[in-house]
């Protein structure tokens, strides 16, 4: 059972606070924030999602720069509480349209009304946006999303031409647009998180894709939807599907290790033509989650080298090659590399003509950091760094430095080749033709290159 639920800003301010059982001492929010802000156990940079202080269990997730936290005095499954926090954040975003400090403060009455229905005396009741509609009566106060930084993977699609409208992912599922009309549209996001480990010689040691097909519907009347995936999609490593996996139709052969589906999905014809039938509930929800360990082409090749350049100096070479099409651009790339603990300073040398790149030496954590605003497919980028040590080096530098860690986001690209062939909506009339948005995004989960 849950004792407290609260939401804190990045500064530690209380935005939402609800004490359900009165058994946790006062000041728990301040204790939590101090512990998270100054966490330094085992030299970890960030506090773990679950920890215990003086007999109180604190479980938290960070969403859109906000801390969603629950406390409990008893031994509850941490994964259950983490999932509950993610769902509360998702439901809140469904109702408010935008999830940030400003929208929570302006809609605090609606947020408390939601919390009273989601959790009763510390026991979770429901986190379904559709089910909560019967009990929620306050209307959201809409925040102008135009002046806010876009949040989440979908934000990548709010840039450039021929993209989704700017207000698409910031609309409440319960509020009508000005004029009382509701724009008929549906969004399908294929979001993949990649984990790859490269050996020191550049070979792939491990590779895995965790993917999800997210859907958010603004269709009135909840019409039936048909979502068709690759015709030659296989499930399971030893899949006995009759499809020809050498075929390139439907976006290429894809073999998933395993997958699961939302409760609203009907799988009557999935084994025959790889089509999902569903009546989408209100709000954002995962239609399908999947995992893939079949060999795939990593979007980036990372090469790292460190070698001595004198008794108390060393040189580092980092090279990134983008192995995806030239019409695709990766955004917000960060490359980090731990260096020996006795490193005093570092000087950097970027390639000639480098634009939108920054470098930094984090003295506190002894890390080199390389930030690139964007990388175009097929391009290659190089960084050289000269390290100065406070003592002479003894032994192998590669054992004291690395591994190199990379974070990135690539819109309109997915490594698994899983494709949506078509998105069909049951017609109410001949003139009914809602907007359909199908989008792809690939992110780094654990992208590591060993030295």
Protein backbone atom coordinates (compact mmCIF):
# COMPACT_ATOMS: atom_id res chain seq x y z
CA UNK A 1 0.00 0.00 0.00
CA UNK A 2 1.12 3.56 -0.74
CA UNK A 3 1.65 6.04 2.09
CA UNK A 4 2.25 9.23 0.09
CA UNK A 5 2.34 10.49 -3.47
CA UNK A 6 3.99 13.75 -4.48
CA UNK A 7 5.37 15.59 -7.50
CA UNK A 8 8.43 17.82 -7.14
CA UNK A 9 9.96 20.30 -9.55
CA UNK A 10 13.65 20.27 -10.46
CA UNK A 11 14.17 22.83 -7.70
CA UNK A 12 12.47 20.62 -5.11
CA UNK A 13 9.23 22.68 -4.91
CA UNK A 14 6.04 20.85 -3.99
CA UNK A 15 3.64 20.88 -6.92
CA UNK A 16 1.33 18.04 -5.83
CA UNK A 17 1.29 16.31 -2.43
CA UNK A 18 -1.15 13.73 -1.10
CA UNK A 19 -0.73 11.84 2.20
CA UNK A 20 -3.00 8.78 2.14
CA UNK A 21 -2.22 7.06 5.44
CA UNK A 22 -0.45 9.53 7.73
CA UNK A 23 2.22 7.00 8.73
CA UNK A 24 5.31 8.58 7.14
CA UNK A 25 6.96 11.38 9.18
CA UNK A 26 6.55 14.93 7.90
CA UNK A 27 9.30 16.34 5.71
CA UNK A 28 9.58 13.20 3.55
CA UNK A 29 9.58 15.27 0.34
CA UNK A 30 12.53 17.38 1.58
CA UNK A 31 14.39 14.24 2.71
CA UNK A 32 13.82 12.64 -0.70
CA UNK A 33 14.97 15.68 -2.67
CA UNK A 34 18.14 16.18 -0.60
CA UNK A 35 19.04 12.52 -1.04
CA UNK A 36 18.47 12.57 -4.80
CA UNK A 37 20.27 15.86 -5.35
CA UNK A 38 23.36 14.89 -3.36
CA UNK A 39 23.45 11.18 -4.12
CA UNK A 40 27.04 9.94 -4.22
CA UNK A 41 26.97 6.34 -3.07
CA UNK A 42 29.35 4.13 -5.03
CA UNK A 43 30.12 7.18 -7.19
CA UNK A 44 26.81 6.83 -9.01
CA UNK A 45 25.77 10.01 -10.83
CA UNK A 46 22.05 9.65 -10.25
CA UNK A 47 20.02 8.15 -7.45
CA UNK A 48 18.44 4.77 -8.20
CA UNK A 49 14.67 4.70 -8.72
CA UNK A 50 14.18 2.84 -5.42
CA UNK A 51 15.93 3.43 -2.09
CA UNK A 52 15.23 3.29 1.65
CA UNK A 53 15.85 5.99 4.26
CA UNK A 54 15.04 5.37 7.95
CA UNK A 55 12.57 2.60 7.15
CA UNK A 56 10.71 4.56 4.46
CA UNK A 57 10.84 3.22 0.90
CA UNK A 58 11.07 5.94 -1.77
CA UNK A 59 10.17 5.01 -5.35
CA UNK A 60 10.41 7.63 -8.10
CA UNK A 61 10.54 8.26 -11.83
CA UNK A 62 11.56 11.43 -13.61
CA UNK A 63 9.17 12.51 -16.34
CA UNK A 64 9.45 15.77 -18.28
CA UNK A 65 11.84 17.17 -15.67
CA UNK A 66 9.46 16.41 -12.77
CA UNK A 67 9.91 13.89 -9.94
CA UNK A 68 6.90 11.58 -9.50
CA UNK A 69 7.38 9.92 -6.10
CA UNK A 70 5.56 7.45 -3.84
CA UNK A 71 6.56 6.44 -0.33
CA UNK A 72 5.61 3.28 1.52
CA UNK A 73 6.45 1.64 4.85
CA UNK A 74 5.83 -1.91 3.64
CA UNK A 75 7.58 -4.20 1.18
CA UNK A 76 5.76 -3.73 -2.14
CA UNK A 77 6.97 -4.83 -5.57
CA UNK A 78 9.09 -1.91 -6.86
CA UNK A 79 8.17 -2.67 -10.48
CA UNK A 80 4.48 -2.31 -9.62
CA UNK A 81 5.05 1.14 -8.13
CA UNK A 82 7.29 2.25 -11.00
CA UNK A 83 4.63 1.19 -13.50
CA UNK A 84 1.97 2.98 -11.46
CA UNK A 85 3.99 6.22 -11.49
CA UNK A 86 4.47 6.01 -15.26
CA UNK A 87 0.75 5.46 -15.74
CA UNK A 88 -0.16 8.37 -13.46
CA UNK A 89 2.16 10.59 -15.52
CA UNK A 90 0.56 9.32 -18.74
CA UNK A 91 -3.00 9.84 -17.50
CA UNK A 92 -2.11 13.34 -16.29
CA UNK A 93 -0.66 14.18 -19.70
CA UNK A 94 -3.78 12.78 -21.42
CA UNK A 95 -5.99 15.14 -19.41
CA UNK A 96 -3.76 18.23 -19.38
CA UNK A 97 -2.36 17.88 -22.90
CA UNK A 98 1.05 19.16 -21.76
CA UNK A 99 2.93 17.68 -18.81
CA UNK A 100 5.16 20.27 -17.11
CA UNK A 101 5.31 22.39 -13.96
CA UNK A 102 3.19 25.20 -15.42
CA UNK A 103 0.34 22.93 -16.53
CA UNK A 104 0.29 21.08 -13.18
CA UNK A 105 0.10 24.32 -11.20
CA UNK A 106 -2.70 25.74 -13.36
CA UNK A 107 -4.68 22.49 -13.19
CA UNK A 108 -3.99 21.42 -9.60
CA UNK A 109 -7.71 20.94 -8.86
CA UNK A 110 -8.06 18.55 -11.82
CA UNK A 111 -4.84 16.73 -10.82
CA UNK A 112 -6.08 16.15 -7.25
CA UNK A 113 -9.42 14.97 -8.64
CA UNK A 114 -7.55 12.44 -10.80
CA UNK A 115 -5.42 11.29 -7.86
CA UNK A 116 -8.48 10.69 -5.68
CA UNK A 117 -9.86 8.32 -8.31
CA UNK A 118 -6.57 6.62 -9.20
CA UNK A 119 -5.50 5.89 -5.58
CA UNK A 120 -7.89 5.29 -2.67
CA UNK A 121 -6.42 5.12 0.86
CA UNK A 122 -3.12 4.02 -0.64
CA UNK A 123 -4.51 1.33 -2.93
CA UNK A 124 -4.39 1.80 -6.74
CA UNK A 125 -7.84 1.66 -8.34
CA UNK A 126 -7.62 2.44 -12.06
CA UNK A 127 -5.26 4.21 -14.45
CA UNK A 128 -7.46 4.00 -17.53
CA UNK A 129 -8.07 7.39 -19.13
CA UNK A 130 -11.34 6.15 -20.58
CA UNK A 131 -12.64 4.70 -17.29
CA UNK A 132 -11.78 7.91 -15.42
CA UNK A 133 -13.91 10.02 -17.77
CA UNK A 134 -17.03 8.99 -15.86
CA UNK A 135 -15.68 10.41 -12.59
CA UNK A 136 -13.74 13.52 -13.65
CA UNK A 137 -15.77 16.69 -14.06
CA UNK A 138 -13.23 19.52 -14.08
CA UNK A 139 -12.16 20.92 -17.44
CA UNK A 140 -8.42 21.39 -18.04
CA UNK A 141 -6.93 24.88 -18.38
CA UNK A 142 -4.86 24.61 -21.55
CA UNK A 143 -1.27 25.83 -21.48
CA UNK A 144 0.12 27.50 -24.60
CA UNK A 145 2.37 24.77 -25.98
CA UNK A 146 3.91 27.09 -28.55
CA UNK A 147 6.27 28.66 -26.04
CA UNK A 148 7.16 25.38 -24.34
CA UNK A 149 9.99 23.04 -25.31
CA UNK A 150 8.42 19.92 -26.85
CA UNK A 151 8.72 16.76 -24.76
CA UNK A 152 9.29 13.13 -25.60
CA UNK A 153 10.09 11.26 -28.81
CA UNK A 154 7.18 12.86 -30.64
CA UNK A 155 8.87 16.24 -30.24
CA UNK A 156 11.28 15.26 -33.00
CA UNK A 157 8.42 15.42 -35.49
CA UNK A 158 7.47 18.99 -34.65
CA UNK A 159 10.43 20.33 -36.59
CA UNK A 160 10.72 21.05 -40.29
CA UNK A 161 8.16 20.99 -43.05
CA UNK A 162 5.46 18.43 -43.81
CA UNK A 163 5.37 17.37 -40.17
CA UNK A 164 2.58 16.93 -37.70
CA UNK A 165 0.86 20.14 -36.54
CA UNK A 166 2.55 21.76 -33.54
CA UNK A 167 -0.39 21.18 -31.18
CA UNK A 168 -0.91 17.54 -32.08
CA UNK A 169 0.76 15.87 -29.12
CA UNK A 170 -0.17 18.63 -26.66
CA UNK A 171 -3.95 18.32 -26.83
CA UNK A 172 -6.08 17.07 -23.98
CA UNK A 173 -8.23 14.04 -24.76
CA UNK A 174 -11.19 15.62 -22.92
CA UNK A 175 -11.04 19.27 -24.01
CA UNK A 176 -12.46 20.47 -27.32
CA UNK A 177 -10.60 22.86 -29.58
CA UNK A 178 -11.72 26.50 -29.93
CA UNK A 179 -15.13 26.62 -31.58
CA UNK A 180 -16.26 23.37 -29.97
CA UNK A 181 -14.95 21.25 -32.83
CA UNK A 182 -12.70 18.26 -32.43
CA UNK A 183 -10.06 17.53 -35.02
CA UNK A 184 -10.34 13.90 -36.11
CA UNK A 185 -6.83 12.42 -36.04
CA UNK A 186 -4.84 9.48 -34.77
CA UNK A 187 -1.13 9.09 -34.00
CA UNK A 188 0.92 5.90 -34.17
CA UNK A 189 4.53 6.05 -32.95
CA UNK A 190 6.99 3.19 -33.44
CA UNK A 191 9.60 3.88 -30.75
CA UNK A 192 12.71 1.69 -30.52
CA UNK A 193 15.44 1.74 -27.89
CA UNK A 194 18.70 0.14 -28.97
CA UNK A 195 21.31 -1.58 -26.80
CA UNK A 196 24.63 -2.36 -28.52
CA UNK A 197 28.07 -3.23 -27.14
CA UNK A 198 31.12 -2.97 -29.43
CA UNK A 199 34.42 -4.71 -28.70
CA UNK A 200 37.71 -2.78 -28.76
CA UNK A 201 38.24 -3.97 -32.34
CA UNK A 202 34.80 -2.77 -33.47
CA UNK A 203 32.92 -6.09 -33.51
CA UNK A 204 29.38 -6.26 -32.14
CA UNK A 205 29.32 -8.26 -28.88
CA UNK A 206 25.67 -7.82 -27.95
CA UNK A 207 22.73 -6.13 -29.67
CA UNK A 208 19.08 -5.80 -28.72
CA UNK A 209 16.05 -3.69 -29.60
CA UNK A 210 13.23 -2.91 -27.17
CA UNK A 211 10.36 -1.46 -29.14
CA UNK A 212 6.82 -0.28 -28.62
CA UNK A 213 4.00 0.82 -30.90
CA UNK A 214 2.29 3.73 -29.14
CA UNK A 215 -1.12 5.02 -30.19
CA UNK A 216 -3.00 8.18 -29.27
CA UNK A 217 -6.47 8.61 -30.67
CA UNK A 218 -8.55 11.77 -31.04
CA UNK A 219 -11.27 9.98 -33.03
CA UNK A 220 -14.84 10.56 -31.93
CA UNK A 221 -17.02 7.52 -31.45
CA UNK A 222 -14.04 5.14 -31.08
CA UNK A 223 -14.23 3.52 -34.55
CA UNK A 224 -12.57 0.17 -35.24
CA UNK A 225 -8.99 0.36 -36.54
CA UNK A 226 -6.93 -2.08 -38.59
CA UNK A 227 -3.17 -1.77 -38.19
CA UNK A 228 -1.15 -3.88 -40.65
CA UNK A 229 2.50 -4.77 -40.00
CA UNK A 230 5.11 -6.45 -42.23
CA UNK A 231 3.60 -9.44 -44.03
CA UNK A 232 6.73 -11.51 -43.39
CA UNK A 233 6.89 -10.71 -39.67
CA UNK A 234 7.92 -13.69 -37.53
CA UNK A 235 7.53 -14.15 -33.78
CA UNK A 236 10.08 -16.25 -31.88
CA UNK A 237 13.60 -17.25 -32.84
CA UNK A 238 12.38 -20.66 -34.01
CA UNK A 239 9.35 -19.19 -35.75
CA UNK A 240 7.63 -21.73 -37.99
CA UNK A 241 5.81 -19.06 -40.01
CA UNK A 242 5.00 -19.99 -43.59
CA UNK A 243 6.19 -16.60 -44.81
CA UNK A 244 9.36 -16.36 -46.88
CA UNK A 245 11.83 -14.47 -44.70
CA UNK A 246 14.06 -13.72 -47.70
CA UNK A 247 11.29 -11.67 -49.21
CA UNK A 248 11.62 -7.90 -49.15
CA UNK A 249 7.91 -7.15 -49.38
CA UNK A 250 6.26 -5.23 -46.57
CA UNK A 251 9.46 -3.55 -45.46
CA UNK A 252 11.73 -6.60 -45.23
CA UNK A 253 11.83 -9.72 -43.06
CA UNK A 254 11.62 -9.09 -39.34
CA UNK A 255 11.87 -11.76 -36.64
CA UNK A 256 10.92 -10.66 -33.12
CA UNK A 257 11.99 -12.67 -30.08
CA UNK A 258 8.71 -12.01 -28.28
CA UNK A 259 5.91 -9.47 -28.05
CA UNK A 260 2.78 -8.62 -26.10
CA UNK A 261 -0.35 -6.66 -26.96
CA UNK A 262 -2.75 -4.22 -25.32
CA UNK A 263 -5.96 -5.76 -23.99
CA UNK A 264 -8.03 -3.96 -26.64
CA UNK A 265 -6.18 -5.67 -29.53
CA UNK A 266 -7.92 -8.57 -31.30
CA UNK A 267 -5.53 -11.09 -32.83
CA UNK A 268 -8.02 -13.14 -34.89
CA UNK A 269 -6.22 -12.50 -38.19
CA UNK A 270 -2.74 -11.68 -36.89
CA UNK A 271 -1.29 -15.11 -37.71
CA UNK A 272 -2.74 -14.93 -41.24
CA UNK A 273 -1.95 -11.42 -42.50
CA UNK A 274 -0.18 -9.70 -39.56
CA UNK A 275 -3.08 -7.29 -39.02
CA UNK A 276 -4.16 -5.97 -35.63
CA UNK A 277 -7.84 -5.11 -35.04
CA UNK A 278 -8.69 -2.78 -32.17
CA UNK A 279 -11.07 -0.15 -30.88
CA UNK A 280 -8.67 2.38 -29.34
CA UNK A 281 -9.46 3.63 -25.84
CA UNK A 282 -9.02 7.30 -25.01
CA UNK A 283 -5.55 8.52 -24.21
CA UNK A 284 -2.10 7.25 -25.08
CA UNK A 285 -1.47 3.52 -24.80
CA UNK A 286 0.98 0.86 -26.07
CA UNK A 287 -0.61 -1.25 -28.81
CA UNK A 288 2.32 -3.67 -28.86
CA UNK A 289 5.63 -4.12 -27.04
CA UNK A 290 8.35 -6.23 -28.63
CA UNK A 291 11.94 -7.34 -28.21
CA UNK A 292 14.42 -8.30 -30.91
CA UNK A 293 17.93 -9.79 -30.70
CA UNK A 294 18.17 -10.79 -34.37
CA UNK A 295 21.21 -9.26 -36.08
CA UNK A 296 20.57 -5.73 -37.30
CA UNK A 297 22.69 -2.91 -38.65
CA UNK A 298 23.56 -0.47 -35.84
CA UNK A 299 22.89 3.16 -36.79
CA UNK A 300 26.35 4.28 -35.60
CA UNK A 301 29.84 2.79 -35.60
CA UNK A 302 31.92 4.08 -32.70
CA UNK A 303 35.71 3.81 -32.62
CA UNK A 304 37.70 4.87 -29.55
CA UNK A 305 41.46 4.84 -28.94
CA UNK A 306 43.64 6.06 -26.07
CA UNK A 307 47.44 5.91 -26.06
CA UNK A 308 50.33 7.44 -24.14
CA UNK A 309 51.92 10.60 -25.54
CA UNK A 310 54.56 11.07 -22.85
CA UNK A 311 55.21 10.28 -19.17
CA UNK A 312 52.13 12.18 -17.93
CA UNK A 313 50.13 12.75 -21.10
CA UNK A 314 47.83 10.77 -23.37
CA UNK A 315 45.87 11.27 -26.57
CA UNK A 316 42.31 10.15 -27.21
CA UNK A 317 40.71 9.60 -30.62
CA UNK A 318 36.93 9.27 -30.95
CA UNK A 319 35.33 8.57 -34.31
CA UNK A 320 31.63 8.23 -35.16
CA UNK A 321 30.28 6.98 -38.49
CA UNK A 322 26.56 7.23 -39.30
CA UNK A 323 25.46 4.03 -41.05
CA UNK A 324 21.97 5.16 -42.08
CA UNK A 325 20.58 6.83 -45.24
CA UNK A 326 21.61 10.38 -46.11
CA UNK A 327 17.99 11.58 -45.97
CA UNK A 328 17.86 10.75 -42.24
CA UNK A 329 19.32 13.03 -39.54
CA UNK A 330 20.11 12.11 -35.94
CA UNK A 331 19.55 14.76 -33.24
CA UNK A 332 20.96 15.55 -29.79
CA UNK A 333 23.96 13.23 -29.85
CA UNK A 334 26.08 12.95 -26.71
CA UNK A 335 29.29 10.92 -26.45
CA UNK A 336 30.88 10.39 -23.03
CA UNK A 337 34.14 8.71 -22.12
CA UNK A 338 35.50 8.21 -18.57
CA UNK A 339 39.23 8.97 -18.29
CA UNK A 340 41.78 7.99 -15.58
CA UNK A 341 41.02 9.43 -12.13
CA UNK A 342 44.32 11.33 -12.08
CA UNK A 343 43.50 13.37 -15.20
CA UNK A 344 44.03 17.08 -14.46
CA UNK A 345 42.86 18.72 -17.68
CA UNK A 346 41.95 18.03 -21.28
CA UNK A 347 42.23 20.02 -24.51
CA UNK A 348 40.10 19.20 -27.55
CA UNK A 349 40.60 19.39 -31.29
CA UNK A 350 37.52 19.19 -33.50
CA UNK A 351 37.60 18.40 -37.20
CA UNK A 352 37.92 21.28 -39.67
CA UNK A 353 34.60 22.99 -40.39
CA UNK A 354 32.80 21.43 -37.43
CA UNK A 355 29.43 23.13 -36.78
CA UNK A 356 27.07 22.58 -33.88
CA UNK A 357 29.61 20.62 -31.80
CA UNK A 358 30.72 21.30 -28.23
CA UNK A 359 33.23 19.58 -25.96
CA UNK A 360 33.76 19.57 -22.22
CA UNK A 361 35.87 17.90 -19.53
CA UNK A 362 33.78 17.08 -16.45
CA UNK A 363 36.29 17.31 -13.61
CA UNK A 364 33.91 16.00 -10.97
CA UNK A 365 33.27 12.72 -12.74
CA UNK A 366 36.46 12.65 -14.85
CA UNK A 367 34.64 12.36 -18.15
CA UNK A 368 35.11 13.72 -21.64
CA UNK A 369 31.84 14.90 -23.17
CA UNK A 370 31.22 15.53 -26.86
CA UNK A 371 27.89 16.99 -27.96
CA UNK A 372 26.73 17.13 -31.56
CA UNK A 373 23.56 18.97 -32.53
CA UNK A 374 22.90 16.70 -35.51
CA UNK A 375 24.52 14.03 -37.67
CA UNK A 376 23.46 13.40 -41.27
CA UNK A 377 23.38 9.81 -42.50
CA UNK A 378 26.57 8.61 -44.17
CA UNK A 379 28.76 11.23 -42.49
CA UNK A 380 31.75 10.70 -40.22
CA UNK A 381 32.95 12.86 -37.33
CA UNK A 382 36.20 12.81 -35.36
CA UNK A 383 37.34 14.27 -32.04
CA UNK A 384 40.88 14.35 -30.69
CA UNK A 385 41.66 15.10 -27.05
CA UNK A 386 44.95 15.59 -25.24
CA UNK A 387 44.97 14.60 -21.58
CA UNK A 388 47.34 15.85 -18.91
CA UNK A 389 47.83 13.69 -15.81
CA UNK A 390 48.90 14.61 -12.28
CA UNK A 391 51.24 11.60 -12.17
CA UNK A 392 53.07 9.31 -14.51
CA UNK A 393 51.02 6.52 -16.01
CA UNK A 394 51.64 3.00 -14.82
CA UNK A 395 50.15 0.05 -16.60
CA UNK A 396 47.55 -0.12 -19.34
CA UNK A 397 45.56 3.08 -19.92
CA UNK A 398 42.70 1.19 -21.55
CA UNK A 399 41.96 -0.47 -18.20
CA UNK A 400 41.58 2.89 -16.46
CA UNK A 401 39.56 4.68 -19.15
CA UNK A 402 36.29 4.00 -20.93
CA UNK A 403 34.02 2.54 -22.01
CA UNK A 404 32.58 5.10 -24.43
CA UNK A 405 28.85 5.69 -24.00
CA UNK A 406 26.64 7.28 -26.67
CA UNK A 407 23.13 8.77 -26.54
CA UNK A 408 21.11 9.87 -29.57
CA UNK A 409 17.67 10.22 -31.12
CA UNK A 410 16.96 9.45 -34.79
CA UNK A 411 13.52 10.52 -36.10
CA UNK A 412 11.94 8.67 -39.04
CA UNK A 413 14.27 5.68 -38.70
CA UNK A 414 13.93 2.26 -37.11
CA UNK A 415 16.65 -0.34 -36.97
CA UNK A 416 14.36 -3.39 -36.78
CA UNK A 417 12.64 -2.59 -40.14
CA UNK A 418 9.25 -3.13 -38.52
CA UNK A 419 6.81 -1.14 -40.66
CA UNK A 420 3.17 -0.11 -40.58
CA UNK A 421 1.86 -1.13 -44.02
CA UNK A 422 -1.43 0.69 -43.58
CA UNK A 423 -3.68 2.21 -40.93
CA UNK A 424 -7.34 1.71 -41.78
CA UNK A 425 -10.20 3.36 -39.90
CA UNK A 426 -13.81 2.16 -40.14
CA UNK A 427 -15.74 4.82 -42.09
CA UNK A 428 -18.80 6.44 -40.54
CA UNK A 429 -19.69 8.15 -43.82
CA UNK A 430 -18.30 8.74 -47.30
CA UNK A 431 -16.83 12.08 -46.27
CA UNK A 432 -15.19 10.76 -43.06
CA UNK A 433 -11.44 10.91 -43.58
CA UNK A 434 -9.49 11.59 -40.37
CA UNK A 435 -5.82 12.53 -40.30
CA UNK A 436 -3.40 9.64 -39.79
CA UNK A 437 0.11 10.20 -38.45
CA UNK A 438 2.59 7.29 -38.45
CA UNK A 439 6.00 8.17 -37.09
CA UNK A 440 9.22 6.33 -36.26
CA UNK A 441 11.93 7.18 -33.75
CA UNK A 442 15.06 5.33 -32.60
CA UNK A 443 16.84 6.11 -29.33
CA UNK A 444 19.94 4.80 -27.59
CA UNK A 445 19.30 2.70 -24.51
CA UNK A 446 22.82 1.42 -23.84
CA UNK A 447 25.19 2.17 -26.72
CA UNK A 448 28.70 1.27 -25.55
CA UNK A 449 32.11 0.87 -27.18
CA UNK A 450 34.92 -0.73 -25.20
CA UNK A 451 38.52 0.44 -25.42
